[in-house]
Amino acid sequence: MFKPFSTSKPTIDIPPIVVIGLGRFGTSLARELMAHGVEVMGIDDDEKVVREQAPFLTEAVTADTSDPEALRQLGVDEVERVVLAIGSHLESSILTASNLVELGVKDIWAKADSEAHGRILRQIGAHHVIRPERDTGRRVAHLLGGRFSDFAEIAPDYGVTRLAPPPAVLGRALDLDEIWRAHHVQLVSVRVGEGSWVPLTDGYTLRSTDYIVAAGSPGALEKFSK
């Protein structure tokens, strides 16, 4: 289905992906996959968008994905994973999701623009529902205070952040179990200056120039950072 792409070893080692909808989210996702060695077919119903993205993808096609026959002709039924990145056009998103389920695609990742949209996609049979705007909003909320250099919520009420060591853990040998008991935060790794990240262990003494990765609930991480 896909034309030859690259002989270099991929850093994300997964079979070819189909991305349906080449808006900002779909394009960003498709290009990131390509950058890590994954072959990507991009599909959109806008010819101009397809022409613009064609140089950056393994293959780019103009098609109406609400038509199941169009998906069959493109061989989408032979692909293991499809990302449905249509968000704002609700009818097209729902019809395409239904077509993908009927075609037997084993792993469908679908973008939703609202809770109601996501609920419908799950009811249809999408295996994963993505809410990029909501997730980005949550992430930015925790960055606004300036204490976190990055933040990712990886499960309900559980996240990982990168930050400078707060005063509570500076200048003394670490006892990781004690820190967990006192703050409900797990210290994961440390980077000294511009060096490499290494696991944090008991007895290590943090300095103000270090960076650490910590995990815990967002509330616990916020309190710990102060």
Protein backbone atom coordinates (compact mmCIF):
# COMPACT_ATOMS: atom_id res chain seq x y z
CA MET A 1 0.00 0.00 0.00
CA PHE A 2 2.80 2.41 0.90
CA LYS A 3 5.65 3.33 -1.38
CA PRO A 4 9.18 2.67 -0.02
CA PHE A 5 10.15 5.21 2.62
CA SER A 6 13.44 4.65 4.38
CA THR A 7 16.02 1.96 5.03
CA SER A 8 17.15 3.54 8.32
CA LYS A 9 16.12 1.90 11.56
CA PRO A 10 13.03 3.60 13.02
CA THR A 11 13.08 4.98 16.54
CA ILE A 12 9.33 4.31 16.83
CA ASP A 13 9.14 0.74 15.59
CA ILE A 14 5.52 0.32 14.50
CA PRO A 15 3.86 -0.60 11.18
CA PRO A 16 2.60 2.11 8.79
CA ILE A 17 -0.06 4.48 10.14
CA VAL A 18 -2.98 6.15 8.39
CA VAL A 19 -3.80 9.67 9.60
CA ILE A 20 -7.21 10.93 8.50
CA GLY A 21 -7.56 14.69 8.72
CA LEU A 22 -4.52 16.89 8.08
CA GLY A 23 -5.37 19.88 10.24
CA ARG A 24 -2.95 21.17 12.86
CA PHE A 25 -3.21 18.12 15.10
CA GLY A 26 -3.14 15.52 12.32
CA THR A 27 -0.26 17.22 10.52
CA SER A 28 1.80 17.59 13.70
CA LEU A 29 1.23 13.94 14.59
CA ALA A 30 1.99 12.68 11.08
CA ARG A 31 5.22 14.67 10.78
CA GLU A 32 6.41 13.54 14.22
CA LEU A 33 5.81 9.91 13.25
CA MET A 34 7.70 10.44 9.98
CA ALA A 35 10.59 12.05 11.85
CA HIS A 36 10.91 8.84 13.88
CA GLY A 37 10.87 6.46 10.94
CA VAL A 38 7.18 5.54 10.77
CA GLU A 39 5.56 5.42 7.33
CA VAL A 40 2.43 7.59 7.19
CA MET A 41 -0.41 7.88 4.71
CA GLY A 42 -2.24 11.16 5.22
CA ILE A 43 -5.82 11.55 4.00
CA ASP A 44 -7.84 14.75 3.77
CA ASP A 45 -10.78 15.96 1.69
CA ASP A 46 -9.05 19.27 0.90
CA GLU A 47 -6.80 19.00 -2.18
CA LYS A 48 -4.80 22.10 -1.22
CA VAL A 49 -3.98 20.68 2.21
CA VAL A 50 -2.96 17.36 0.67
CA ARG A 51 -0.63 19.09 -1.82
CA GLU A 52 1.00 21.07 0.99
CA GLN A 53 1.64 18.00 3.15
CA ALA A 54 2.56 15.51 0.41
CA PRO A 55 6.32 16.32 0.50
CA PHE A 56 6.48 15.47 4.19
CA LEU A 57 4.55 12.17 4.22
CA THR A 58 5.10 8.75 2.73
CA GLU A 59 1.85 9.22 0.83
CA ALA A 60 -0.88 11.87 0.85
CA VAL A 61 -4.31 11.33 -0.69
CA THR A 62 -7.46 13.38 -1.23
CA ALA A 63 -10.55 11.35 -0.31
CA ASP A 64 -13.96 11.55 1.34
CA THR A 65 -13.51 9.17 4.27
CA SER A 66 -17.23 9.21 5.08
CA ASP A 67 -17.46 6.90 2.04
CA PRO A 68 -16.45 3.37 3.11
CA GLU A 69 -15.59 2.39 -0.45
CA ALA A 70 -13.00 5.17 -0.64
CA LEU A 71 -11.31 3.73 2.45
CA ARG A 72 -11.31 0.23 0.96
CA GLN A 73 -9.78 1.44 -2.29
CA LEU A 74 -6.98 3.06 -0.32
CA GLY A 75 -6.33 -0.17 1.59
CA VAL A 76 -7.19 1.30 4.98
CA ASP A 77 -8.82 -2.00 5.94
CA GLU A 78 -5.35 -3.59 5.75
CA VAL A 79 -3.76 -1.22 8.28
CA GLU A 80 -3.44 -2.04 11.98
CA ARG A 81 -3.67 1.53 13.31
CA VAL A 82 -5.57 4.56 12.12
CA VAL A 83 -5.61 8.02 13.70
CA LEU A 84 -8.87 9.83 13.04
CA ALA A 85 -7.79 13.45 13.44
CA ILE A 86 -11.02 15.06 12.21
CA GLY A 87 -12.33 17.09 15.12
CA SER A 88 -14.41 20.10 14.18
CA HIS A 89 -16.54 18.40 11.50
CA LEU A 90 -18.65 16.22 13.77
CA GLU A 91 -20.65 14.38 11.11
CA SER A 92 -17.57 13.50 9.06
CA SER A 93 -15.74 12.34 12.19
CA ILE A 94 -18.59 10.08 13.30
CA LEU A 95 -19.22 8.60 9.85
CA THR A 96 -15.51 7.94 9.33
CA ALA A 97 -15.20 6.32 12.76
CA SER A 98 -18.16 4.07 11.97
CA ASN A 99 -16.57 3.10 8.65
CA LEU A 100 -13.26 2.25 10.33
CA VAL A 101 -15.03 0.02 12.86
CA GLU A 102 -16.98 -1.76 10.11
CA LEU A 103 -13.76 -2.27 8.14
CA GLY A 104 -12.32 -4.08 11.16
CA VAL A 105 -9.41 -1.72 11.89
CA LYS A 106 -7.87 -3.15 15.05
CA ASP A 107 -6.61 0.05 16.68
CA ILE A 108 -8.53 3.30 16.13
CA TRP A 109 -7.32 6.53 17.76
CA ALA A 110 -9.92 9.28 17.36
CA LYS A 111 -9.71 13.00 18.16
CA ALA A 112 -12.69 14.52 19.96
CA ASP A 113 -13.47 18.21 20.42
CA SER A 114 -15.87 17.74 23.35
CA GLU A 115 -16.95 15.23 25.97
CA ALA A 116 -20.13 14.49 23.96
CA HIS A 117 -18.09 13.92 20.79
CA GLY A 118 -15.75 11.60 22.65
CA ARG A 119 -18.65 9.66 24.16
CA ILE A 120 -20.15 9.08 20.71
CA LEU A 121 -16.81 7.93 19.32
CA ARG A 122 -16.45 5.41 22.17
CA GLN A 123 -19.99 4.16 21.64
CA ILE A 124 -19.27 3.64 17.94
CA GLY A 125 -16.21 1.56 18.81
CA ALA A 126 -13.13 3.81 18.72
CA HIS A 127 -10.48 2.19 20.91
CA HIS A 128 -8.82 5.42 22.08
CA VAL A 129 -10.27 8.94 22.27
CA ILE A 130 -7.88 11.89 22.28
CA ARG A 131 -8.72 15.35 23.64
CA PRO A 132 -5.65 17.42 22.65
CA GLU A 133 -7.09 20.85 23.53
CA ARG A 134 -8.21 19.68 26.98
CA ASP A 135 -4.92 17.90 27.67
CA THR A 136 -2.87 20.89 26.54
CA GLY A 137 -4.98 23.18 28.73
CA ARG A 138 -4.31 21.03 31.78
CA ARG A 139 -0.60 20.96 31.02
CA VAL A 140 -0.34 24.73 30.56
CA ALA A 141 -2.28 25.34 33.79
CA HIS A 142 0.53 23.65 35.73
CA LEU A 143 3.25 25.50 33.81
CA LEU A 144 1.85 28.98 34.44
CA GLY A 145 3.18 29.10 37.99
CA GLY A 146 6.75 28.96 36.68
CA ARG A 147 7.93 26.19 39.03
CA PHE A 148 7.50 23.34 36.52
CA SER A 149 9.66 23.23 33.39
CA ASP A 150 7.31 20.62 31.93
CA PHE A 151 4.29 18.62 33.02
CA ALA A 152 2.45 15.56 31.69
CA GLU A 153 -0.62 13.92 33.21
CA ILE A 154 -0.17 10.23 32.44
CA ALA A 155 -3.20 8.87 34.33
CA PRO A 156 -6.16 10.32 36.24
CA ASP A 157 -4.71 12.31 39.14
CA TYR A 158 -1.14 11.19 38.39
CA GLY A 159 1.47 13.19 36.53
CA VAL A 160 5.18 13.65 35.90
CA THR A 161 7.02 16.95 35.98
CA ARG A 162 10.51 18.36 35.48
CA LEU A 163 11.57 21.06 37.91
CA ALA A 164 14.43 22.56 39.91
CA PRO A 165 14.74 20.91 43.33
CA PRO A 166 12.63 22.75 45.91
CA PRO A 167 14.21 23.83 49.22
CA ALA A 168 12.77 20.81 51.08
CA VAL A 169 15.20 18.45 49.33
CA LEU A 170 18.26 20.63 48.74
CA GLY A 171 21.63 20.12 50.37
CA ARG A 172 21.00 16.89 52.25
CA ALA A 173 21.31 13.19 51.51
CA LEU A 174 18.06 11.97 50.01
CA ASP A 175 15.83 9.36 51.59
CA LEU A 176 13.36 8.61 48.79
CA ASP A 177 10.94 6.67 51.01
CA GLU A 178 10.88 9.54 53.50
CA ILE A 179 10.14 12.02 50.71
CA TRP A 180 7.24 9.86 49.54
CA ARG A 181 5.83 9.64 53.07
CA ALA A 182 6.18 13.38 53.66
CA HIS A 183 5.10 14.72 50.25
CA HIS A 184 3.46 11.80 48.37
CA VAL A 185 5.90 12.48 45.54
CA GLN A 186 8.29 10.01 43.95
CA LEU A 187 11.65 11.39 42.80
CA VAL A 188 12.61 9.59 39.60
CA SER A 189 15.77 11.02 38.05
CA VAL A 190 18.23 13.90 38.07
CA ARG A 191 20.23 15.86 35.51
CA VAL A 192 23.37 17.68 36.59
CA GLY A 193 23.85 20.82 34.51
CA GLU A 194 23.61 19.91 30.83
CA GLY A 195 24.53 16.28 31.45
CA SER A 196 22.48 13.12 31.00
CA TRP A 197 19.50 12.08 33.08
CA VAL A 198 20.31 9.37 35.64
CA PRO A 199 18.12 7.60 38.23
CA LEU A 200 17.90 9.21 41.66
CA THR A 201 19.04 7.00 44.53
CA ASP A 202 19.11 7.23 48.30
CA GLY A 203 22.01 9.27 49.59
CA TYR A 204 22.28 11.63 46.60
CA THR A 205 22.60 15.30 47.54
CA LEU A 206 20.72 17.68 45.23
CA ARG A 207 22.08 21.09 44.30
CA SER A 208 20.22 24.17 43.11
CA THR A 209 21.73 23.77 39.62
CA ASP A 210 20.25 20.27 39.21
CA TYR A 211 16.98 19.38 37.52
CA ILE A 212 14.80 16.54 38.73
CA VAL A 213 11.87 14.50 37.44
CA ALA A 214 9.15 13.88 40.00
CA ALA A 215 5.88 11.93 39.85
CA GLY A 216 2.68 12.11 41.86
CA SER A 217 -0.76 13.67 41.86
CA PRO A 218 -0.89 17.20 40.39
CA GLY A 219 -1.84 18.60 43.79
CA ALA A 220 1.03 16.86 45.56
CA LEU A 221 3.51 17.98 42.92
CA GLU A 222 2.33 21.60 43.21
CA LYS A 223 2.73 21.55 46.99
CA PHE A 224 6.13 19.84 46.75
CA SER A 225 7.41 22.41 44.25
CA LYS A 226 6.82 25.22 46.78
